[in-house]
């Protein structure tokens, strides 16, 4: 474990140093995040301006869901999207050979090698939105702590889905729009899952488990989460993570190295 932590520290130090050479990107990322957040708030406002509510979700409670969505969007931009792009390029260029020869887990290497600080504005804005909504609801510090376990489980589930998606580049090398698939997956979690028709709720809960990413952590914060949802979040994260590990090993059987 100590060896992996040292490798992780080296990865991120080099990646951040390389990204900071283009500091104007942070200003662009900040403006982009502000524009995206303003659009999301405006879309939510259109529902609530006529006293409409998502089946029992008040305005401030819906802000919690939007805040958690924005946090996940930031985490995706910091960790997931940069590494996902690298998997595709490694397979296309044949440099995945060098990754597989390294004395550490290839999944760990591919999942953590690159980090981008340009997702920090989304992450910070999301945290601010959660605290803003929570303060208006009068939530205690324990409510914020209660949110963390389902949020972490949601991140694990999101990562697992992302890595499974990235592993398909073994068969379909030119999947340049794969990051758009990841973003589209998150988009459905922008609003409480109860706001969708019944068929969509089933789809976003049991087919593409978006409900576990944003709605369940928000429900846990406000004390409306059923224990079965938390158990489901845990089982989903464990199962998806194991599937991602299995699927990567399965995909490698079909990988044709550059030297073949």
C-alpha atoms as a PDB file:
ATOM      1  CA  UNK A   1       0.000   0.000   0.000  1.00  0.00           C
ATOM      2  CA  UNK A   2       2.862   2.370   0.829  1.00  0.00           C
ATOM      3  CA  UNK A   3       4.378   1.778  -2.607  1.00  0.00           C
ATOM      4  CA  UNK A   4       1.088   2.617  -4.307  1.00  0.00           C
ATOM      5  CA  UNK A   5       0.716   5.812  -2.284  1.00  0.00           C
ATOM      6  CA  UNK A   6       4.223   6.924  -3.265  1.00  0.00           C
ATOM      7  CA  UNK A   7       3.455   6.209  -6.915  1.00  0.00           C
ATOM      8  CA  UNK A   8       0.193   8.131  -6.620  1.00  0.00           C
ATOM      9  CA  UNK A   9       1.983  11.134  -5.110  1.00  0.00           C
ATOM     10  CA  UNK A  10       4.500  11.098  -7.967  1.00  0.00           C
ATOM     11  CA  UNK A  11       1.764  10.803 -10.593  1.00  0.00           C
ATOM     12  CA  UNK A  12      -0.234  13.741  -9.312  1.00  0.00           C
ATOM     13  CA  UNK A  13       2.778  15.975  -8.672  1.00  0.00           C
ATOM     14  CA  UNK A  14       3.967  15.587 -12.263  1.00  0.00           C
ATOM     15  CA  UNK A  15       0.460  15.902 -13.741  1.00  0.00           C
ATOM     16  CA  UNK A  16      -0.365  19.098 -11.823  1.00  0.00           C
ATOM     17  CA  UNK A  17       3.014  20.639 -12.667  1.00  0.00           C
ATOM     18  CA  UNK A  18       2.372  19.954 -16.364  1.00  0.00           C
ATOM     19  CA  UNK A  19      -1.163  21.379 -16.254  1.00  0.00           C
ATOM     20  CA  UNK A  20      -0.110  24.546 -14.424  1.00  0.00           C
ATOM     21  CA  UNK A  21       2.006  25.545 -17.396  1.00  0.00           C
ATOM     22  CA  UNK A  22      -1.260  26.694 -18.963  1.00  0.00           C
ATOM     23  CA  UNK A  23      -2.739  28.713 -16.096  1.00  0.00           C
ATOM     24  CA  UNK A  24      -5.152  30.633 -18.284  1.00  0.00           C
ATOM     25  CA  UNK A  25      -7.035  27.327 -18.556  1.00  0.00           C
ATOM     26  CA  UNK A  26      -8.112  27.780 -14.944  1.00  0.00           C
ATOM     27  CA  UNK A  27      -9.817  31.071 -15.810  1.00  0.00           C
ATOM     28  CA  UNK A  28     -11.572  29.386 -18.730  1.00  0.00           C
ATOM     29  CA  UNK A  29     -12.609  26.467 -16.511  1.00  0.00           C
ATOM     30  CA  UNK A  30     -13.889  28.902 -13.870  1.00  0.00           C
ATOM     31  CA  UNK A  31     -16.022  30.802 -16.396  1.00  0.00           C
ATOM     32  CA  UNK A  32     -17.293  27.545 -17.899  1.00  0.00           C
ATOM     33  CA  UNK A  33     -18.260  26.233 -14.456  1.00  0.00           C
ATOM     34  CA  UNK A  34     -20.049  29.488 -13.608  1.00  0.00           C
ATOM     35  CA  UNK A  35     -21.968  29.346 -16.866  1.00  0.00           C
ATOM     36  CA  UNK A  36     -22.913  25.707 -16.353  1.00  0.00           C
ATOM     37  CA  UNK A  37     -24.032  26.331 -12.780  1.00  0.00           C
ATOM     38  CA  UNK A  38     -26.069  29.368 -13.813  1.00  0.00           C
ATOM     39  CA  UNK A  39     -27.783  27.284 -16.494  1.00  0.00           C
ATOM     40  CA  UNK A  40     -28.552  24.500 -14.022  1.00  0.00           C
ATOM     41  CA  UNK A  41     -29.970  26.931 -11.455  1.00  0.00           C
ATOM     42  CA  UNK A  42     -32.067  28.619 -14.132  1.00  0.00           C
ATOM     43  CA  UNK A  43     -33.441  25.256 -15.288  1.00  0.00           C
ATOM     44  CA  UNK A  44     -34.352  24.362 -11.704  1.00  0.00           C
ATOM     45  CA  UNK A  45     -35.882  27.792 -11.171  1.00  0.00           C
ATOM     46  CA  UNK A  46     -38.200  27.279 -14.156  1.00  0.00           C
ATOM     47  CA  UNK A  47     -39.811  24.367 -12.309  1.00  0.00           C
ATOM     48  CA  UNK A  48     -40.167  26.129  -8.960  1.00  0.00           C
ATOM     49  CA  UNK A  49     -41.223  29.580 -10.110  1.00  0.00           C
ATOM     50  CA  UNK A  50     -44.877  28.437 -10.221  1.00  0.00           C
ATOM     51  CA  UNK A  51     -44.738  26.675  -6.815  1.00  0.00           C
ATOM     52  CA  UNK A  52     -44.148  23.321  -8.505  1.00  0.00           C
ATOM     53  CA  UNK A  53     -42.086  20.776  -6.526  1.00  0.00           C
ATOM     54  CA  UNK A  54     -40.541  17.414  -7.364  1.00  0.00           C
ATOM     55  CA  UNK A  55     -42.952  15.250  -5.325  1.00  0.00           C
ATOM     56  CA  UNK A  56     -42.076  16.613  -1.918  1.00  0.00           C
ATOM     57  CA  UNK A  57     -38.699  18.168  -2.706  1.00  0.00           C
ATOM     58  CA  UNK A  58     -38.538  21.814  -1.703  1.00  0.00           C
ATOM     59  CA  UNK A  59     -36.324  24.335  -3.513  1.00  0.00           C
ATOM     60  CA  UNK A  60     -33.534  24.065  -0.941  1.00  0.00           C
ATOM     61  CA  UNK A  61     -33.690  20.270  -0.954  1.00  0.00           C
ATOM     62  CA  UNK A  62     -33.458  20.235  -4.746  1.00  0.00           C
ATOM     63  CA  UNK A  63     -30.385  22.471  -4.422  1.00  0.00           C
ATOM     64  CA  UNK A  64     -28.722  19.692  -2.438  1.00  0.00           C
ATOM     65  CA  UNK A  65     -29.225  17.291  -5.353  1.00  0.00           C
ATOM     66  CA  UNK A  66     -27.871  19.872  -7.802  1.00  0.00           C
ATOM     67  CA  UNK A  67     -24.903  20.550  -5.507  1.00  0.00           C
ATOM     68  CA  UNK A  68     -24.032  16.847  -5.281  1.00  0.00           C
ATOM     69  CA  UNK A  69     -24.397  16.588  -9.059  1.00  0.00           C
ATOM     70  CA  UNK A  70     -21.948  19.488  -9.462  1.00  0.00           C
ATOM     71  CA  UNK A  71     -19.488  17.862  -7.036  1.00  0.00           C
ATOM     72  CA  UNK A  72     -19.554  14.640  -9.062  1.00  0.00           C
ATOM     73  CA  UNK A  73     -19.117  16.648 -12.235  1.00  0.00           C
ATOM     74  CA  UNK A  74     -16.007  18.237 -10.753  1.00  0.00           C
ATOM     75  CA  UNK A  75     -14.596  14.895  -9.598  1.00  0.00           C
ATOM     76  CA  UNK A  76     -15.187  13.492 -13.077  1.00  0.00           C
ATOM     77  CA  UNK A  77     -13.300  16.402 -14.641  1.00  0.00           C
ATOM     78  CA  UNK A  78     -10.425  16.083 -12.151  1.00  0.00           C
ATOM     79  CA  UNK A  79      -9.893  12.322 -12.153  1.00  0.00           C
ATOM     80  CA  UNK A  80     -12.079  10.376 -14.565  1.00  0.00           C
ATOM     81  CA  UNK A  81     -12.185  12.201 -17.893  1.00  0.00           C
ATOM     82  CA  UNK A  82      -8.399  12.825 -18.221  1.00  0.00           C
ATOM     83  CA  UNK A  83      -7.561   9.198 -17.516  1.00  0.00           C
ATOM     84  CA  UNK A  84     -10.344   7.914 -19.750  1.00  0.00           C
ATOM     85  CA  UNK A  85      -8.877   9.821 -22.674  1.00  0.00           C
ATOM     86  CA  UNK A  86      -5.465   8.352 -21.904  1.00  0.00           C
ATOM     87  CA  UNK A  87      -6.763   4.779 -22.034  1.00  0.00           C
ATOM     88  CA  UNK A  88      -8.045   5.370 -25.555  1.00  0.00           C
ATOM     89  CA  UNK A  89      -4.766   6.952 -26.680  1.00  0.00           C
ATOM     90  CA  UNK A  90      -2.674   4.181 -25.085  1.00  0.00           C
ATOM     91  CA  UNK A  91      -4.625   1.497 -26.925  1.00  0.00           C
ATOM     92  CA  UNK A  92      -4.540   3.414 -30.202  1.00  0.00           C
ATOM     93  CA  UNK A  93      -0.804   4.152 -30.041  1.00  0.00           C
ATOM     94  CA  UNK A  94       0.194   0.757 -28.665  1.00  0.00           C
ATOM     95  CA  UNK A  95       1.779   2.277 -25.552  1.00  0.00           C
ATOM     96  CA  UNK A  96      -0.488   0.178 -23.355  1.00  0.00           C
ATOM     97  CA  UNK A  97       2.277  -2.439 -23.662  1.00  0.00           C
ATOM     98  CA  UNK A  98       4.501  -0.364 -21.383  1.00  0.00           C
ATOM     99  CA  UNK A  99       1.715  -0.002 -18.815  1.00  0.00           C
ATOM    100  CA  UNK A 100       1.122  -3.750 -18.680  1.00  0.00           C
ATOM    101  CA  UNK A 101       4.838  -4.369 -18.102  1.00  0.00           C
ATOM    102  CA  UNK A 102       4.991  -2.141 -15.009  1.00  0.00           C
ATOM    103  CA  UNK A 103       5.136  -3.889 -11.591  1.00  0.00           C
ATOM    104  CA  UNK A 104       1.846  -2.385 -10.399  1.00  0.00           C
ATOM    105  CA  UNK A 105      -1.798  -2.983 -11.245  1.00  0.00           C
ATOM    106  CA  UNK A 106      -2.515  -1.754 -14.767  1.00  0.00           C
ATOM    107  CA  UNK A 107      -6.013  -0.689 -13.689  1.00  0.00           C
ATOM    108  CA  UNK A 108      -4.553   1.410 -10.871  1.00  0.00           C
ATOM    109  CA  UNK A 109      -2.001   2.974 -13.239  1.00  0.00           C
ATOM    110  CA  UNK A 110      -4.572   3.827 -15.879  1.00  0.00           C
ATOM    111  CA  UNK A 111      -7.082   5.125 -13.319  1.00  0.00           C
ATOM    112  CA  UNK A 112      -4.772   7.459 -11.408  1.00  0.00           C
ATOM    113  CA  UNK A 113      -1.910   8.458 -13.683  1.00  0.00           C
ATOM    114  CA  UNK A 114      -3.396  11.773 -14.795  1.00  0.00           C
ATOM    115  CA  UNK A 115      -5.168  14.436 -12.763  1.00  0.00           C
ATOM    116  CA  UNK A 116      -6.561  17.754 -13.968  1.00  0.00           C
ATOM    117  CA  UNK A 117      -7.058  20.730 -11.625  1.00  0.00           C
ATOM    118  CA  UNK A 118      -9.531  22.315 -14.040  1.00  0.00           C
ATOM    119  CA  UNK A 119     -12.406  20.437 -12.433  1.00  0.00           C
ATOM    120  CA  UNK A 120     -11.833  22.190  -9.100  1.00  0.00           C
ATOM    121  CA  UNK A 121     -14.263  25.074  -9.832  1.00  0.00           C
ATOM    122  CA  UNK A 122     -17.134  22.622 -10.321  1.00  0.00           C
ATOM    123  CA  UNK A 123     -16.175  20.772  -7.152  1.00  0.00           C
ATOM    124  CA  UNK A 124     -15.947  23.975  -5.096  1.00  0.00           C
ATOM    125  CA  UNK A 125     -19.206  25.376  -6.474  1.00  0.00           C
ATOM    126  CA  UNK A 126     -20.919  22.078  -5.704  1.00  0.00           C
ATOM    127  CA  UNK A 127     -19.707  22.123  -2.101  1.00  0.00           C
ATOM    128  CA  UNK A 128     -20.848  25.725  -1.734  1.00  0.00           C
ATOM    129  CA  UNK A 129     -24.276  24.857  -3.135  1.00  0.00           C
ATOM    130  CA  UNK A 130     -24.659  21.936  -0.713  1.00  0.00           C
ATOM    131  CA  UNK A 131     -23.744  24.116   2.264  1.00  0.00           C
ATOM    132  CA  UNK A 132     -26.055  26.883   1.036  1.00  0.00           C
ATOM    133  CA  UNK A 133     -29.026  24.536   0.727  1.00  0.00           C
ATOM    134  CA  UNK A 134     -28.177  22.806   3.992  1.00  0.00           C
ATOM    135  CA  UNK A 135     -27.939  26.090   5.896  1.00  0.00           C
ATOM    136  CA  UNK A 136     -31.390  27.138   4.693  1.00  0.00           C
ATOM    137  CA  UNK A 137     -32.769  23.782   5.798  1.00  0.00           C
ATOM    138  CA  UNK A 138     -31.082  24.087   9.187  1.00  0.00           C
ATOM    139  CA  UNK A 139     -29.145  20.841   8.808  1.00  0.00           C
ATOM    140  CA  UNK A 140     -26.718  19.851  11.555  1.00  0.00           C
ATOM    141  CA  UNK A 141     -23.050  18.972  10.950  1.00  0.00           C
ATOM    142  CA  UNK A 142     -23.994  15.308  11.378  1.00  0.00           C
ATOM    143  CA  UNK A 143     -26.220  15.588   8.295  1.00  0.00           C
ATOM    144  CA  UNK A 144     -23.223  16.533   6.178  1.00  0.00           C
ATOM    145  CA  UNK A 145     -21.229  13.640   7.627  1.00  0.00           C
ATOM    146  CA  UNK A 146     -24.127  11.268   6.940  1.00  0.00           C
ATOM    147  CA  UNK A 147     -23.997  12.297   3.287  1.00  0.00           C
ATOM    148  CA  UNK A 148     -20.370  11.235   2.850  1.00  0.00           C
ATOM    149  CA  UNK A 149     -20.748   7.400   2.833  1.00  0.00           C
ATOM    150  CA  UNK A 150     -23.406   7.292   0.076  1.00  0.00           C
ATOM    151  CA  UNK A 151     -21.501   9.995  -1.817  1.00  0.00           C
ATOM    152  CA  UNK A 152     -18.274   7.961  -1.701  1.00  0.00           C
ATOM    153  CA  UNK A 153     -20.185   4.850  -2.755  1.00  0.00           C
ATOM    154  CA  UNK A 154     -21.663   6.842  -5.630  1.00  0.00           C
ATOM    155  CA  UNK A 155     -18.171   7.924  -6.704  1.00  0.00           C
ATOM    156  CA  UNK A 156     -17.014   4.276  -6.661  1.00  0.00           C
ATOM    157  CA  UNK A 157     -20.022   3.277  -8.787  1.00  0.00           C
ATOM    158  CA  UNK A 158     -19.368   6.130 -11.201  1.00  0.00           C
ATOM    159  CA  UNK A 159     -15.685   5.221 -11.466  1.00  0.00           C
ATOM    160  CA  UNK A 160     -16.540   1.566 -12.126  1.00  0.00           C
ATOM    161  CA  UNK A 161     -18.977   2.447 -14.900  1.00  0.00           C
ATOM    162  CA  UNK A 162     -16.384   4.834 -16.332  1.00  0.00           C
ATOM    163  CA  UNK A 163     -13.631   2.213 -16.330  1.00  0.00           C
ATOM    164  CA  UNK A 164     -15.870  -0.409 -17.934  1.00  0.00           C
ATOM    165  CA  UNK A 165     -16.609   2.135 -20.624  1.00  0.00           C
ATOM    166  CA  UNK A 166     -12.904   2.864 -21.064  1.00  0.00           C
ATOM    167  CA  UNK A 167     -12.060  -0.832 -21.311  1.00  0.00           C
ATOM    168  CA  UNK A 168     -14.229  -1.143 -24.412  1.00  0.00           C
ATOM    169  CA  UNK A 169     -11.524   0.795 -26.270  1.00  0.00           C
ATOM    170  CA  UNK A 170      -9.752  -2.578 -26.589  1.00  0.00           C
ATOM    171  CA  UNK A 171     -12.361  -3.436 -29.255  1.00  0.00           C
ATOM    172  CA  UNK A 172     -13.475   0.039 -30.368  1.00  0.00           C
ATOM    173  CA  UNK A 173     -10.333   2.154 -30.477  1.00  0.00           C
ATOM    174  CA  UNK A 174     -11.734   5.358 -31.960  1.00  0.00           C
ATOM    175  CA  UNK A 175     -14.273   6.197 -29.261  1.00  0.00           C
ATOM    176  CA  UNK A 176     -13.460   9.909 -29.036  1.00  0.00           C
ATOM    177  CA  UNK A 177     -16.948  10.750 -27.786  1.00  0.00           C
ATOM    178  CA  UNK A 178     -16.699   8.390 -24.823  1.00  0.00           C
ATOM    179  CA  UNK A 179     -16.389  11.333 -22.408  1.00  0.00           C
ATOM    180  CA  UNK A 180     -19.698  12.627 -23.735  1.00  0.00           C
ATOM    181  CA  UNK A 181     -21.288   9.320 -22.749  1.00  0.00           C
ATOM    182  CA  UNK A 182     -19.942   9.812 -19.244  1.00  0.00           C
ATOM    183  CA  UNK A 183     -21.309  13.348 -19.054  1.00  0.00           C
ATOM    184  CA  UNK A 184     -24.675  12.225 -20.370  1.00  0.00           C
ATOM    185  CA  UNK A 185     -24.790   9.587 -17.651  1.00  0.00           C
ATOM    186  CA  UNK A 186     -24.425  12.262 -15.004  1.00  0.00           C
ATOM    187  CA  UNK A 187     -26.916  14.692 -16.540  1.00  0.00           C
ATOM    188  CA  UNK A 188     -29.927  12.699 -15.355  1.00  0.00           C
ATOM    189  CA  UNK A 189     -28.817  13.209 -11.744  1.00  0.00           C
ATOM    190  CA  UNK A 190     -29.153  16.972 -11.966  1.00  0.00           C
ATOM    191  CA  UNK A 191     -32.695  16.795 -10.537  1.00  0.00           C
ATOM    192  CA  UNK A 192     -34.311  14.537  -7.891  1.00  0.00           C
ATOM    193  CA  UNK A 193     -35.176  11.166  -9.364  1.00  0.00           C
ATOM    194  CA  UNK A 194     -38.809  11.644  -8.301  1.00  0.00           C
ATOM    195  CA  UNK A 195     -39.073  14.404 -10.890  1.00  0.00           C
ATOM    196  CA  UNK A 196     -39.000  11.876 -13.737  1.00  0.00           C
ATOM    197  CA  UNK A 197     -41.908   9.757 -15.008  1.00  0.00           C
ATOM    198  CA  UNK A 198     -42.211   6.240 -13.569  1.00  0.00           C
ATOM    199  CA  UNK A 199     -40.556   4.536 -16.552  1.00  0.00           C
ATOM    200  CA  UNK A 200     -37.562   6.879 -16.350  1.00  0.00           C
ATOM    201  CA  UNK A 201     -37.284   6.371 -12.585  1.00  0.00           C
ATOM    202  CA  UNK A 202     -37.024   2.625 -13.131  1.00  0.00           C
ATOM    203  CA  UNK A 203     -34.443   3.123 -15.892  1.00  0.00           C
ATOM    204  CA  UNK A 204     -32.294   5.549 -13.882  1.00  0.00           C
ATOM    205  CA  UNK A 205     -32.458   3.341 -10.788  1.00  0.00           C
ATOM    206  CA  UNK A 206     -32.078  -0.229 -12.042  1.00  0.00           C
ATOM    207  CA  UNK A 207     -30.595   0.079 -15.545  1.00  0.00           C
ATOM    208  CA  UNK A 208     -28.339   3.139 -15.228  1.00  0.00           C
ATOM    209  CA  UNK A 209     -28.126   3.729 -11.445  1.00  0.00           C
ATOM    210  CA  UNK A 210     -28.066   7.525 -11.526  1.00  0.00           C
ATOM    211  CA  UNK A 211     -30.403   7.717  -8.502  1.00  0.00           C
ATOM    212  CA  UNK A 212     -27.654   6.270  -6.302  1.00  0.00           C
ATOM    213  CA  UNK A 213     -25.212   8.987  -7.380  1.00  0.00           C
ATOM    214  CA  UNK A 214     -27.101  12.141  -6.358  1.00  0.00           C
ATOM    215  CA  UNK A 215     -30.604  11.523  -4.986  1.00  0.00           C
ATOM    216  CA  UNK A 216     -29.640   8.963  -2.316  1.00  0.00           C
ATOM    217  CA  UNK A 217     -26.879  11.157  -0.768  1.00  0.00           C
ATOM    218  CA  UNK A 218     -29.305  14.106  -0.696  1.00  0.00           C
ATOM    219  CA  UNK A 219     -32.025  11.982   0.899  1.00  0.00           C
ATOM    220  CA  UNK A 220     -29.543  10.824   3.519  1.00  0.00           C
ATOM    221  CA  UNK A 221     -28.688  14.440   4.343  1.00  0.00           C
ATOM    222  CA  UNK A 222     -32.291  15.408   5.002  1.00  0.00           C
ATOM    223  CA  UNK A 223     -33.080  12.177   6.859  1.00  0.00           C
ATOM    224  CA  UNK A 224     -35.480  10.719   4.281  1.00  0.00           C
ATOM    225  CA  UNK A 225     -33.351   7.841   3.029  1.00  0.00           C
ATOM    226  CA  UNK A 226     -34.596   4.302   3.566  1.00  0.00           C
ATOM    227  CA  UNK A 227     -31.880   1.937   4.923  1.00  0.00           C
ATOM    228  CA  UNK A 228     -32.507  -0.309   1.924  1.00  0.00           C
ATOM    229  CA  UNK A 229     -31.289   2.474  -0.370  1.00  0.00           C
ATOM    230  CA  UNK A 230     -28.031   2.707   1.574  1.00  0.00           C
ATOM    231  CA  UNK A 231     -27.589  -1.051   1.474  1.00  0.00           C
ATOM    232  CA  UNK A 232     -28.329  -0.913  -2.252  1.00  0.00           C
ATOM    233  CA  UNK A 233     -25.689   1.810  -2.714  1.00  0.00           C
ATOM    234  CA  UNK A 234     -23.095  -0.333  -0.950  1.00  0.00           C
ATOM    235  CA  UNK A 235     -23.925  -3.487  -2.900  1.00  0.00           C
ATOM    236  CA  UNK A 236     -24.001  -1.577  -6.167  1.00  0.00           C
ATOM    237  CA  UNK A 237     -20.567  -0.034  -5.553  1.00  0.00           C
ATOM    238  CA  UNK A 238     -19.017  -3.380  -4.581  1.00  0.00           C
ATOM    239  CA  UNK A 239     -20.553  -5.282  -7.494  1.00  0.00           C
ATOM    240  CA  UNK A 240     -19.692  -2.644 -10.102  1.00  0.00           C
ATOM    241  CA  UNK A 241     -16.119  -2.349  -8.848  1.00  0.00           C
ATOM    242  CA  UNK A 242     -15.621  -6.109  -9.046  1.00  0.00           C
ATOM    243  CA  UNK A 243     -17.188  -6.162 -12.509  1.00  0.00           C
ATOM    244  CA  UNK A 244     -14.795  -3.421 -13.634  1.00  0.00           C
ATOM    245  CA  UNK A 245     -11.837  -5.491 -12.439  1.00  0.00           C
ATOM    246  CA  UNK A 246     -13.136  -8.633 -14.134  1.00  0.00           C
ATOM    247  CA  UNK A 247     -14.061  -6.825 -17.336  1.00  0.00           C
ATOM    248  CA  UNK A 248     -10.594  -5.259 -17.620  1.00  0.00           C
ATOM    249  CA  UNK A 249      -8.913  -8.647 -17.298  1.00  0.00           C
ATOM    250  CA  UNK A 250     -11.366 -10.051 -19.833  1.00  0.00           C
ATOM    251  CA  UNK A 251     -10.699  -7.185 -22.273  1.00  0.00           C
ATOM    252  CA  UNK A 252      -6.930  -7.664 -22.030  1.00  0.00           C
ATOM    253  CA  UNK A 253      -7.331 -11.144 -23.505  1.00  0.00           C
ATOM    254  CA  UNK A 254      -8.323  -9.455 -26.755  1.00  0.00           C
ATOM    255  CA  UNK A 255      -5.626  -6.782 -26.678  1.00  0.00           C
ATOM    256  CA  UNK A 256      -3.153  -7.071 -29.545  1.00  0.00           C
ATOM    257  CA  UNK A 257       0.069  -5.421 -28.443  1.00  0.00           C
ATOM    258  CA  UNK A 258       2.146  -3.167 -30.676  1.00  0.00           C
ATOM    259  CA  UNK A 259       4.814  -5.865 -30.908  1.00  0.00           C
ATOM    260  CA  UNK A 260       2.382  -8.572 -32.067  1.00  0.00           C
END
